[in-house]
């Protein structure tokens, strides 16, 4: 009986150790470290075992996960000059970051993403806690209709480039790409060139987007145009929502493309001081078959000569008309709304209008100091009393807190089988206890 008790106790210990040993391994499978100093022969489980290429990182995470850029990582054109496309076999959601488990590798290892090429996403991606160095003048991130989120902590640096990176929620005019199916782009930070909700099309192909498109801008800086749609054909609705950010050029409904549904631009906030125009004007053969609505609920507008226009007289471009709706704007800008042209309707509360204008330039009057002839006098010698500065104690230095990248794919949740093994272990404990007391009772008898 004693031997049975000892064997059951040993089994109990082993069943408790198995889930504890297996849980960290399961969590490590969801993260891969990568840098120029790594090797694709490494397993990518730590900065010391980092991989060296994005292809190897995606291959290690076929079902999604977190790719940690733990040092400088260079993405360059291949020998044939082609751009980079994330593998179509890697269909999960991915996070690209330089912060992991409390360590910011931008500070400790000069981590940065260096790119001189276009980047095409074939699955959902989040970019955050990342430094991007742009090394080519006409870079583009093409989302191909996938959900792409740019986080607040993204820094874009022009490193040998004259422009920043543009982002297209749809696809490019590339015969090698399949048609995009909708699009969901969110920008919370960073500095970018041009934003398109639809397709980037140089009219080589009639690019078709099979679904509705949504673009949300909460922050960051946009240096060129922002298009709610773009080019090509979108078989659905288009919505551009601006809650914040700084805009340097113009806001447009679409470029040369066609929207078969409705097009809506909603401005809730943001800095438009340097914006030249907000317009629904359509270039070329483009058109909107549904209703086109520009809603202004807030924002800062103060540029002289800024215009808000609708269809500029070409009513066939907007089958159901175009509306400027500022009825929910608590402090509507009179200069903006009263000069708006080309809309079928302009809605706002006239009793709430305010006038935002640039501060006039003022020139300080020139004053001439009168000439006076100084007489030489000798100042009496005085001895300044010695004073001792009070000693002050410098405040203690505080270390900056770093927060780990928040990624669902990188979390170390306990697997289901571990819970099952734990329940079995508890049952073994109860059995062992019963056998132990029975053995002891038999021995005493």
Protein backbone atom coordinates (compact mmCIF):
# COMPACT_ATOMS: atom_id res chain seq x y z
CA UNK A 1 0.00 0.00 0.00
CA UNK A 2 2.91 2.34 0.78
CA UNK A 3 4.35 1.80 -2.70
CA UNK A 4 1.03 2.71 -4.28
CA UNK A 5 0.89 5.92 -2.23
CA UNK A 6 4.42 6.89 -3.28
CA UNK A 7 3.68 6.22 -6.97
CA UNK A 8 0.51 8.30 -6.84
CA UNK A 9 2.41 11.15 -5.16
CA UNK A 10 5.06 11.07 -7.91
CA UNK A 11 2.36 11.12 -10.58
CA UNK A 12 0.81 14.14 -8.87
CA UNK A 13 4.08 16.08 -8.96
CA UNK A 14 4.63 15.29 -12.65
CA UNK A 15 1.12 16.36 -13.66
CA UNK A 16 1.60 19.69 -11.86
CA UNK A 17 4.93 20.35 -13.59
CA UNK A 18 3.74 19.60 -17.13
CA UNK A 19 1.34 22.57 -17.56
CA UNK A 20 3.79 24.96 -15.88
CA UNK A 21 6.55 23.96 -18.27
CA UNK A 22 4.30 24.00 -21.35
CA UNK A 23 2.64 27.42 -20.85
CA UNK A 24 5.73 29.61 -21.53
CA UNK A 25 6.52 27.62 -24.68
CA UNK A 26 3.03 28.22 -26.07
CA UNK A 27 3.34 31.98 -25.43
CA UNK A 28 6.82 32.14 -27.04
CA UNK A 29 5.37 30.68 -30.26
CA UNK A 30 3.47 33.97 -30.82
CA UNK A 31 6.50 36.31 -30.93
CA UNK A 32 9.53 36.53 -33.19
CA UNK A 33 12.50 38.89 -32.76
CA UNK A 34 14.17 40.30 -35.86
CA UNK A 35 17.09 42.62 -36.74
CA UNK A 36 19.90 43.05 -39.26
CA UNK A 37 22.25 41.46 -36.74
CA UNK A 38 20.21 38.25 -36.56
CA UNK A 39 20.25 35.09 -38.63
CA UNK A 40 17.41 33.24 -40.34
CA UNK A 41 18.92 30.04 -38.93
CA UNK A 42 18.03 31.24 -35.42
CA UNK A 43 14.63 30.51 -33.91
CA UNK A 44 13.73 34.19 -33.24
CA UNK A 45 12.79 33.50 -29.63
CA UNK A 46 14.91 36.33 -28.18
CA UNK A 47 17.02 39.32 -29.27
CA UNK A 48 20.11 37.09 -28.99
CA UNK A 49 18.44 34.56 -31.31
CA UNK A 50 16.81 37.07 -33.66
CA UNK A 51 16.02 36.31 -37.26
CA UNK A 52 17.31 38.58 -40.03
CA UNK A 53 14.45 38.88 -42.54
CA UNK A 54 10.73 39.58 -42.53
CA UNK A 55 10.10 36.47 -44.62
CA UNK A 56 11.63 34.31 -41.91
CA UNK A 57 9.62 36.09 -39.20
CA UNK A 58 6.31 35.52 -41.02
CA UNK A 59 7.26 31.89 -41.66
CA UNK A 60 7.80 31.45 -37.92
CA UNK A 61 4.35 32.97 -37.22
CA UNK A 62 2.05 31.55 -39.92
CA UNK A 63 -1.08 32.15 -37.83
CA UNK A 64 -0.27 35.67 -36.66
CA UNK A 65 1.66 37.13 -33.76
CA UNK A 66 4.09 39.89 -32.80
CA UNK A 67 7.23 40.70 -34.77
CA UNK A 68 9.62 42.60 -32.50
CA UNK A 69 12.16 44.76 -34.33
CA UNK A 70 14.94 44.66 -31.73
CA UNK A 71 17.62 46.51 -33.73
CA UNK A 72 18.04 48.22 -37.09
CA UNK A 73 16.10 46.27 -39.76
CA UNK A 74 16.66 47.11 -43.43
CA UNK A 75 14.05 46.25 -46.03
CA UNK A 76 15.58 46.76 -49.48
CA UNK A 77 14.52 46.01 -53.02
CA UNK A 78 15.45 42.60 -54.36
CA UNK A 79 17.77 42.12 -57.32
CA UNK A 80 14.85 42.34 -59.77
CA UNK A 81 13.65 45.61 -58.20
CA UNK A 82 10.40 44.21 -56.86
CA UNK A 83 8.68 45.56 -53.75
CA UNK A 84 7.94 43.61 -50.58
CA UNK A 85 4.68 41.70 -50.13
CA UNK A 86 3.83 39.98 -46.89
CA UNK A 87 3.32 36.24 -47.55
CA UNK A 88 -0.20 35.26 -48.59
CA UNK A 89 0.19 32.11 -46.50
CA UNK A 90 0.57 34.25 -43.35
CA UNK A 91 -3.10 35.07 -42.87
CA UNK A 92 -3.29 35.94 -39.17
CA UNK A 93 -3.17 39.37 -37.52
CA UNK A 94 0.33 40.76 -36.93
CA UNK A 95 1.87 43.50 -34.81
CA UNK A 96 5.16 45.17 -35.79
CA UNK A 97 6.75 46.87 -32.77
CA UNK A 98 10.05 47.68 -31.04
CA UNK A 99 8.70 47.47 -27.49
CA UNK A 100 8.25 44.10 -25.82
CA UNK A 101 7.97 42.89 -22.25
CA UNK A 102 8.96 46.26 -20.79
CA UNK A 103 11.98 46.86 -23.05
CA UNK A 104 12.07 49.61 -25.68
CA UNK A 105 14.65 48.45 -28.21
CA UNK A 106 14.62 51.88 -29.85
CA UNK A 107 16.38 53.18 -26.73
CA UNK A 108 18.54 50.15 -25.94
CA UNK A 109 19.53 48.96 -29.44
CA UNK A 110 18.65 51.81 -31.86
CA UNK A 111 15.85 49.70 -33.31
CA UNK A 112 14.34 51.16 -36.48
CA UNK A 113 12.59 49.98 -39.63
CA UNK A 114 14.55 51.22 -42.67
CA UNK A 115 12.72 50.94 -45.99
CA UNK A 116 13.46 52.05 -49.55
CA UNK A 117 10.56 50.18 -51.14
CA UNK A 118 6.80 49.76 -51.21
CA UNK A 119 5.16 47.44 -48.72
CA UNK A 120 2.00 45.40 -49.47
CA UNK A 121 0.00 43.88 -46.61
CA UNK A 122 -1.88 40.62 -47.26
CA UNK A 123 -3.39 40.35 -43.76
CA UNK A 124 -4.37 42.53 -40.79
CA UNK A 125 -1.47 44.52 -39.30
CA UNK A 126 -0.84 46.93 -36.42
CA UNK A 127 2.26 49.16 -36.39
CA UNK A 128 3.05 50.77 -33.04
CA UNK A 129 6.03 51.74 -30.84
CA UNK A 130 8.06 51.93 -34.02
CA UNK A 131 10.57 54.23 -35.76
CA UNK A 132 10.28 54.17 -39.56
CA UNK A 133 13.11 55.65 -41.62
CA UNK A 134 12.01 56.45 -45.18
CA UNK A 135 14.82 55.93 -47.67
CA UNK A 136 12.95 56.38 -50.93
CA UNK A 137 11.05 59.35 -52.34
CA UNK A 138 7.86 57.57 -53.45
CA UNK A 139 7.18 54.94 -50.80
CA UNK A 140 3.72 53.43 -50.35
CA UNK A 141 2.02 51.15 -47.82
CA UNK A 142 -0.74 49.28 -49.64
CA UNK A 143 -3.29 47.66 -47.31
CA UNK A 144 -5.13 45.61 -49.99
CA UNK A 145 -8.44 45.95 -48.16
CA UNK A 146 -7.10 44.51 -44.89
CA UNK A 147 -7.48 46.06 -41.45
CA UNK A 148 -4.39 48.19 -40.77
CA UNK A 149 -3.85 50.30 -37.63
CA UNK A 150 -1.07 52.87 -37.19
CA UNK A 151 -0.51 53.48 -33.47
CA UNK A 152 0.15 56.73 -31.64
CA UNK A 153 3.80 55.89 -30.92
CA UNK A 154 5.00 55.74 -34.53
CA UNK A 155 7.77 58.11 -35.64
CA UNK A 156 8.45 58.64 -39.34
CA UNK A 157 11.83 60.07 -40.34
CA UNK A 158 12.94 61.11 -43.84
CA UNK A 159 16.33 59.44 -44.19
CA UNK A 160 17.43 60.06 -47.78
CA UNK A 161 13.89 60.68 -49.01
CA UNK A 162 12.15 63.85 -50.14
CA UNK A 163 8.69 62.57 -49.19
CA UNK A 164 7.06 60.61 -46.42
CA UNK A 165 5.19 57.34 -46.99
CA UNK A 166 1.71 57.32 -48.51
CA UNK A 167 -0.96 54.85 -47.37
CA UNK A 168 -3.64 53.30 -49.56
CA UNK A 169 -6.45 51.35 -47.90
CA UNK A 170 -7.30 49.55 -51.13
CA UNK A 171 -4.91 48.13 -53.71
CA UNK A 172 -2.43 49.41 -56.25
CA UNK A 173 -2.84 49.24 -60.03
CA UNK A 174 -0.86 46.05 -60.16
CA UNK A 175 -1.98 43.05 -62.20
CA UNK A 176 -0.30 40.74 -59.66
CA UNK A 177 -2.75 41.80 -56.94
CA UNK A 178 -6.19 40.37 -56.38
CA UNK A 179 -9.12 42.75 -56.02
CA UNK A 180 -9.37 44.31 -52.57
CA UNK A 181 -12.41 43.44 -50.47
CA UNK A 182 -13.28 46.60 -48.57
CA UNK A 183 -10.76 48.35 -46.36
CA UNK A 184 -10.34 49.48 -42.76
CA UNK A 185 -7.52 51.94 -42.10
CA UNK A 186 -6.94 53.76 -38.78
CA UNK A 187 -4.16 56.33 -38.29
CA UNK A 188 -3.38 57.48 -34.73
CA UNK A 189 0.11 58.92 -35.21
CA UNK A 190 3.13 59.29 -37.47
CA UNK A 191 3.89 61.59 -40.39
CA UNK A 192 2.58 60.57 -43.81
CA UNK A 193 2.39 61.84 -47.37
CA UNK A 194 -0.93 61.04 -49.08
CA UNK A 195 -3.85 58.98 -47.72
CA UNK A 196 -6.31 57.15 -49.97
CA UNK A 197 -9.34 55.23 -48.82
CA UNK A 198 -9.71 53.43 -52.12
CA UNK A 199 -7.26 52.42 -54.79
CA UNK A 200 -4.14 54.01 -56.10
CA UNK A 201 -4.59 53.77 -59.86
CA UNK A 202 -2.49 55.25 -62.63
CA UNK A 203 -5.27 54.16 -65.05
CA UNK A 204 -3.28 51.15 -66.21
CA UNK A 205 -6.03 48.93 -64.82
CA UNK A 206 -9.62 49.43 -63.74
CA UNK A 207 -8.97 48.42 -60.14
CA UNK A 208 -12.11 47.20 -58.37
CA UNK A 209 -12.69 47.16 -54.63
CA UNK A 210 -15.40 44.63 -53.75
CA UNK A 211 -16.74 46.23 -50.58
CA UNK A 212 -17.11 49.33 -48.42
CA UNK A 213 -14.11 51.34 -47.20
CA UNK A 214 -13.56 53.08 -43.86
CA UNK A 215 -10.69 55.45 -43.00
CA UNK A 216 -10.33 56.99 -39.53
CA UNK A 217 -7.68 59.58 -38.67
CA UNK A 218 -7.26 60.31 -34.95
CA UNK A 219 -3.81 61.89 -35.01
CA UNK A 220 -0.56 62.28 -36.88
CA UNK A 221 0.45 64.67 -39.63
CA UNK A 222 -0.59 64.43 -43.29
CA UNK A 223 1.53 66.46 -45.73
CA UNK A 224 -0.44 65.97 -48.96
CA UNK A 225 -4.03 65.19 -50.01
CA UNK A 226 -6.42 62.96 -48.09
CA UNK A 227 -8.93 61.11 -50.30
CA UNK A 228 -11.98 59.43 -48.81
CA UNK A 229 -12.00 57.07 -51.79
CA UNK A 230 -9.32 57.55 -54.44
CA UNK A 231 -9.22 55.94 -57.87
CA UNK A 232 -10.71 52.80 -59.41
CA UNK A 233 -14.19 51.50 -58.60
CA UNK A 234 -15.52 50.89 -55.08
CA UNK A 235 -18.59 48.64 -54.93
CA UNK A 236 -19.88 49.92 -51.61
CA UNK A 237 -19.87 52.96 -49.33
CA UNK A 238 -16.92 55.15 -48.43
CA UNK A 239 -16.49 56.85 -45.05
CA UNK A 240 -13.66 59.17 -43.96
CA UNK A 241 -13.75 60.21 -40.29
CA UNK A 242 -11.28 62.80 -38.97
CA UNK A 243 -11.12 63.17 -35.18
CA UNK A 244 -7.69 64.77 -34.91
CA UNK A 245 -4.34 65.31 -36.59
CA UNK A 246 -2.66 68.05 -38.61
CA UNK A 247 -3.44 68.49 -42.31
CA UNK A 248 -1.18 70.43 -44.67
CA UNK A 249 -3.01 70.34 -48.00
CA UNK A 250 -6.58 69.33 -48.94
CA UNK A 251 -9.39 66.94 -48.01
CA UNK A 252 -11.19 65.35 -50.99
CA UNK A 253 -14.06 62.92 -51.50
CA UNK A 254 -12.33 61.00 -54.29
CA UNK A 255 -9.94 61.30 -57.21
CA UNK A 256 -10.68 59.75 -60.60
CA UNK A 257 -12.62 56.79 -59.24
CA UNK A 258 -16.25 55.78 -58.91
CA UNK A 259 -18.18 55.03 -55.71
CA UNK A 260 -21.27 52.92 -56.32
CA UNK A 261 -22.64 53.65 -52.84
CA UNK A 262 -22.61 56.70 -50.57
CA UNK A 263 -19.58 58.85 -49.74
CA UNK A 264 -19.34 60.53 -46.34
CA UNK A 265 -16.62 62.76 -44.90
CA UNK A 266 -17.01 63.53 -41.17
CA UNK A 267 -14.73 66.11 -39.53
CA UNK A 268 -15.01 66.09 -35.72
CA UNK A 269 -11.66 67.72 -34.97
CA UNK A 270 -8.17 68.34 -36.24
CA UNK A 271 -5.91 71.21 -37.25
CA UNK A 272 -6.73 72.53 -40.73
CA UNK A 273 -4.92 75.88 -40.43
CA UNK A 274 -2.65 75.03 -43.38
CA UNK A 275 -5.34 73.21 -45.40
CA UNK A 276 -6.07 74.81 -48.77
CA UNK A 277 -9.46 73.27 -49.48
CA UNK A 278 -12.10 70.74 -48.48
CA UNK A 279 -13.89 69.58 -51.58
CA UNK A 280 -16.10 66.98 -53.15
CA UNK A 281 -14.91 67.91 -56.63
CA UNK A 282 -14.28 64.84 -58.78
CA UNK A 283 -11.44 64.61 -61.28
CA UNK A 284 -11.71 62.96 -64.70
CA UNK A 285 -14.49 60.42 -65.16
CA UNK A 286 -15.11 59.80 -61.47
CA UNK A 287 -18.56 59.89 -59.87
CA UNK A 288 -20.55 59.07 -56.74
CA UNK A 289 -23.77 57.19 -57.44
CA UNK A 290 -25.17 57.55 -53.93
CA UNK A 291 -25.42 60.59 -51.66
CA UNK A 292 -22.28 62.62 -50.93
CA UNK A 293 -22.22 64.26 -47.49
CA UNK A 294 -19.60 66.50 -45.91
CA UNK A 295 -20.21 66.81 -42.15
CA UNK A 296 -18.23 69.35 -40.16
CA UNK A 297 -18.74 69.01 -36.40
CA UNK A 298 -15.51 70.63 -35.22
CA UNK A 299 -11.91 71.42 -36.03
CA UNK A 300 -9.69 74.49 -36.33
CA UNK A 301 -9.93 76.41 -39.62
CA UNK A 302 -8.11 79.72 -40.01
CA UNK A 303 -6.25 79.81 -43.32
CA UNK A 304 -6.95 82.84 -45.51
CA UNK A 305 -8.38 81.82 -48.85
CA UNK A 306 -9.38 78.31 -47.75
CA UNK A 307 -12.39 77.08 -49.73
CA UNK A 308 -15.12 74.51 -49.25
CA UNK A 309 -16.65 73.33 -52.51
CA UNK A 310 -19.10 70.71 -53.68
CA UNK A 311 -19.57 69.56 -57.25
CA UNK A 312 -18.34 72.77 -58.98
CA UNK A 313 -21.35 72.75 -61.32
CA UNK A 314 -21.01 69.19 -62.64
CA UNK A 315 -24.18 67.70 -61.13
CA UNK A 316 -23.87 64.46 -63.08
CA UNK A 317 -20.89 63.57 -60.89
CA UNK A 318 -23.20 63.25 -57.86
CA UNK A 319 -26.31 61.25 -58.77
CA UNK A 320 -28.09 61.90 -55.45
CA UNK A 321 -26.61 65.33 -54.75
CA UNK A 322 -23.98 66.65 -52.33
CA UNK A 323 -24.73 68.13 -48.89
CA UNK A 324 -22.68 70.24 -46.47
CA UNK A 325 -24.01 69.50 -42.99
CA UNK A 326 -22.67 71.60 -40.10
CA UNK A 327 -25.86 71.46 -38.04
CA UNK A 328 -24.09 69.66 -35.15
CA UNK A 329 -21.16 72.11 -35.06
CA UNK A 330 -21.35 74.02 -31.77
CA UNK A 331 -19.10 76.87 -33.00
CA UNK A 332 -19.55 76.97 -36.79
CA UNK A 333 -17.07 79.08 -38.74
CA UNK A 334 -18.91 81.78 -40.67
CA UNK A 335 -16.06 82.43 -43.12
CA UNK A 336 -16.06 78.76 -44.07
CA UNK A 337 -19.79 78.16 -44.37
CA UNK A 338 -21.02 81.37 -45.96
CA UNK A 339 -18.43 81.10 -48.74
CA UNK A 340 -19.08 77.39 -49.43
CA UNK A 341 -20.22 76.75 -53.01
CA UNK A 342 -21.43 73.88 -55.16
CA UNK A 343 -23.63 72.14 -52.55
CA UNK A 344 -27.26 71.21 -52.97
CA UNK A 345 -27.80 71.99 -49.27
CA UNK A 346 -25.78 73.84 -46.64
CA UNK A 347 -27.05 73.18 -43.11
CA UNK A 348 -25.88 75.08 -40.01
CA UNK A 349 -27.21 77.13 -37.12
CA UNK A 350 -26.64 80.79 -38.01
CA UNK A 351 -27.07 81.84 -34.37
CA UNK A 352 -23.89 79.93 -33.41
CA UNK A 353 -21.53 81.14 -36.12
CA UNK A 354 -18.08 82.38 -35.19
CA UNK A 355 -15.40 84.02 -37.27
CA UNK A 356 -11.95 82.43 -37.12
CA UNK A 357 -9.32 84.59 -38.74
CA UNK A 358 -5.55 84.71 -38.70
CA UNK A 359 -4.07 87.18 -36.30
CA UNK A 360 -3.04 90.35 -38.22
CA UNK A 361 0.66 90.97 -38.50
CA UNK A 362 1.72 93.93 -36.40
CA UNK A 363 5.00 95.79 -36.74
CA UNK A 364 6.52 97.30 -33.66
CA UNK A 365 7.05 101.08 -34.08
CA UNK A 366 10.67 102.12 -34.42
CA UNK A 367 11.95 104.26 -31.56
CA UNK A 368 15.20 106.23 -31.61
CA UNK A 369 17.13 106.54 -28.42
CA UNK A 370 18.07 110.20 -27.80
CA UNK A 371 21.79 110.87 -27.85
CA UNK A 372 23.20 111.89 -24.49
CA UNK A 373 26.72 112.77 -23.57
CA UNK A 374 27.92 110.63 -20.75
CA UNK A 375 30.07 112.20 -18.03
CA UNK A 376 32.74 110.05 -16.55
CA UNK A 377 32.21 109.41 -12.88
CA UNK A 378 33.97 107.11 -10.54
CA UNK A 379 31.72 104.83 -8.61
CA UNK A 380 32.45 104.63 -4.89
CA UNK A 381 33.99 101.36 -3.85
CA UNK A 382 31.65 99.26 -1.82
CA UNK A 383 32.23 95.81 -0.46
CA UNK A 384 29.35 93.45 -1.14
CA UNK A 385 28.37 91.39 1.91
CA UNK A 386 29.07 87.72 1.54
CA UNK A 387 25.95 85.63 1.22
CA UNK A 388 25.84 81.88 1.23
CA UNK A 389 23.37 80.25 -1.11
CA UNK A 390 21.10 77.85 0.74
CA UNK A 391 21.84 74.24 -0.02
CA UNK A 392 19.11 72.55 -1.99
CA UNK A 393 18.77 68.88 -2.57
CA UNK A 394 18.23 67.90 -6.20
CA UNK A 395 15.15 65.79 -6.70
CA UNK A 396 15.84 62.13 -7.17
CA UNK A 397 16.01 60.96 -10.75
CA UNK A 398 13.04 58.97 -11.86
CA UNK A 399 13.32 56.34 -14.48
CA UNK A 400 10.98 56.67 -17.41
CA UNK A 401 8.38 53.99 -17.37
CA UNK A 402 8.15 51.85 -20.44
CA UNK A 403 5.09 49.91 -21.21
CA UNK A 404 5.15 46.67 -23.09
CA UNK A 405 3.53 46.50 -26.48
CA UNK A 406 -0.10 45.58 -26.07
CA UNK A 407 -0.76 42.70 -28.39
CA UNK A 408 -3.33 40.00 -27.97
CA UNK A 409 -1.20 37.63 -30.02
CA UNK A 410 1.76 38.07 -27.66
CA UNK A 411 -0.10 37.44 -24.39
CA UNK A 412 0.89 34.46 -22.26
CA UNK A 413 -2.55 33.01 -21.54
CA UNK A 414 -2.74 29.56 -19.91
CA UNK A 415 -3.70 26.86 -22.46
CA UNK A 416 -6.92 24.88 -22.01
CA UNK A 417 -5.05 21.60 -21.63
CA UNK A 418 -3.16 23.08 -18.70
CA UNK A 419 -6.44 23.73 -16.88
CA UNK A 420 -7.54 20.14 -17.55
CA UNK A 421 -4.26 18.77 -16.24
CA UNK A 422 -4.57 20.92 -13.14
CA UNK A 423 -8.04 19.49 -12.43
CA UNK A 424 -6.68 15.96 -12.89
CA UNK A 425 -3.82 16.82 -10.52
CA UNK A 426 -6.23 17.99 -7.84
CA UNK A 427 -8.15 14.72 -8.17
CA UNK A 428 -4.87 12.81 -7.73
CA UNK A 429 -4.15 14.85 -4.59
CA UNK A 430 -7.47 13.82 -3.07
CA UNK A 431 -6.87 10.15 -3.98
CA UNK A 432 -3.37 10.24 -2.50
CA UNK A 433 -4.67 11.73 0.72
CA UNK A 434 -7.33 9.05 1.07
CA UNK A 435 -4.84 6.23 0.38
CA UNK A 436 -2.32 7.73 2.81
CA UNK A 437 -4.78 7.78 5.70
CA UNK A 438 -6.00 4.27 4.86
CA UNK A 439 -2.42 3.01 4.85
CA UNK A 440 -1.76 4.66 8.17
CA UNK A 441 -4.95 3.25 9.63
CA UNK A 442 -4.08 -0.28 8.39
CA UNK A 443 -0.61 0.03 9.92
CA UNK A 444 -2.00 1.02 13.31
CA UNK A 445 -4.44 -1.96 13.22
